[in-house]
Each structure stands twice: as structure tokens, then as C-alpha cells.
Protein backbone atom coordinates (compact mmCIF):
# COMPACT_ATOMS: atom_id res chain seq x y z
CA PHE A 1 98.30 116.13 98.48
CA ILE A 2 98.40 117.24 102.20
CA HIS A 3 101.36 118.51 103.73
CA GLY A 4 102.84 120.89 106.13
CA PHE A 5 102.38 119.34 109.61
CA ASP A 6 105.83 117.85 110.01
CA GLY A 7 105.37 118.42 113.98
CA GLY A 8 103.50 121.60 113.58
CA VAL A 9 99.84 122.67 113.86
CA LYS A 10 98.83 124.12 110.20
CA ASN A 11 98.07 121.63 107.23
CA CYS A 12 98.05 122.64 103.67
CA ILE A 13 96.06 120.86 100.77
CA THR A 14 97.57 121.17 97.18
CA LEU A 15 96.04 120.41 94.07
CA SER A 16 98.64 119.49 91.32
CA THR A 17 97.74 119.65 87.60
CA GLU A 18 99.60 119.75 84.17
CA PHE A 19 99.32 123.41 84.34
CA GLY A 20 100.74 123.86 88.17
CA GLU A 21 100.17 123.51 91.80
CA TYR A 22 97.33 125.14 93.77
CA ASN A 23 97.18 125.41 97.54
CA LEU A 24 93.49 125.47 98.63
CA LEU A 25 92.64 127.78 101.25
CA LYS A 26 89.14 128.23 102.58
CA PRO A 27 86.35 126.62 100.56
CA SER A 28 83.55 128.27 99.14
CA ALA A 29 80.00 127.41 100.41
CA GLU A 30 79.55 124.63 97.68
CA TYR A 31 82.72 122.81 98.75
CA THR A 32 82.51 123.18 102.56
CA PRO A 33 80.60 119.77 103.49
CA LEU A 34 83.40 118.24 101.35
CA MET A 35 86.12 120.06 102.85
CA ASN A 36 84.69 119.49 106.44
CA ASN A 37 84.90 115.73 106.02
CA LEU A 38 88.61 115.95 104.69
CA TYR A 39 89.36 118.13 107.49
CA GLU A 40 88.19 115.49 110.01
CA LYS A 41 90.52 112.87 108.03
CA ILE A 42 93.34 115.12 108.12
CA TRP A 43 93.34 115.98 111.71
CA LEU A 44 92.30 112.62 112.76
CA SER A 45 95.17 110.89 110.61
CA LYS A 46 97.83 113.27 112.31
CA VAL A 47 96.65 112.36 115.67
CA VAL A 48 96.72 108.72 115.27
CA VAL A 49 100.31 108.73 113.33
CA GLU A 50 101.81 110.76 115.99
CA TYR A 51 100.19 108.87 118.87
CA ILE A 52 101.61 105.41 117.34
CA GLU A 53 105.06 106.81 116.50
CA GLU A 54 105.55 108.10 119.80
CA TYR A 55 103.82 105.42 121.82
CA HIS A 56 104.24 102.29 119.90
CA TYR A 57 106.29 100.23 122.30
CA LEU A 58 103.67 100.35 124.95
CA LEU A 59 101.55 98.35 122.45
CA PRO A 60 98.51 100.69 122.81
CA THR A 61 94.91 99.39 122.48
CA TYR A 62 91.93 100.33 120.56
CA GLU A 63 90.50 102.09 123.67
CA ASP A 64 93.92 103.83 124.23
CA LEU A 65 93.69 105.28 121.15
CA LEU A 66 90.15 106.37 121.65
CA GLU A 67 90.99 108.23 124.83
CA ILE A 68 93.60 110.14 122.93
CA ILE A 69 91.23 110.87 119.99
CA ARG A 70 88.29 111.83 122.37
CA GLY A 71 90.57 114.59 123.86
CA GLN A 72 91.60 116.20 120.61
CA THR A 73 89.97 119.09 118.72
CA ILE A 74 89.92 120.18 114.97
CA PRO A 75 91.21 123.56 114.43
CA ASP A 76 89.79 123.98 110.86
CA LEU A 77 86.34 123.18 112.40
CA ASP A 78 86.17 125.59 114.89
CA ASN A 79 87.87 123.31 117.37
CA LYS A 80 85.27 120.44 116.93
CA ILE A 81 86.00 117.58 119.40
CA MET A 82 86.92 114.25 117.71
CA SER A 83 85.02 111.30 118.11
CA GLU A 84 84.93 107.50 117.97
CA GLU A 85 82.48 108.05 114.83
CA MET A 86 85.10 110.18 112.98
CA LEU A 87 87.61 107.16 113.37
CA HIS A 88 84.84 104.75 111.98
CA LYS A 89 84.57 106.91 108.92
């Protein structure tokens, strides 16, 4: 599961098994492509949820959301800029 934002800027990915819970830190080279894709989804979800929570009363359009997304970065990916393509994925 993913947790830790709660208004903050640090996420935590935890893997839970019958033997315990493990917080995933920096991925190995083999897992980096998979984790990079996950980081995109985590940060994009954070931006979308926070935007909708804060501005739902304005009835934002898709274009409004895109404008917000294009102005955001992904700290876990060296501040990669978010894009519409990420939203489509």
C-alpha cells in the first residue's frame, strides 16, 4: 500500500506479507523501470486528488486539470515534469 502524503510531500510504499511489513526504499536497477512508472502514478494521483478536493466547487474541466498537472514535478524522479501522457497512462 501507499501512504504518507496526508498533506505532506513524502510518500511511502509498504509491502505487507504474512511475515511482516516492509517499507520499500530506493529500488535496485532491475526494479527501477517498474518503480519509475509507479512513482508517476503516485504523484499524479496526489496532484489530482488534492486539486479536486480543493477546487471541486468550481467544477473544474479536463483542461483545468491539465494546466495544474503540467505545472507539477515528480520529486522521486529528479523533478520530472508531469504530462498529459502520464494522465492517460
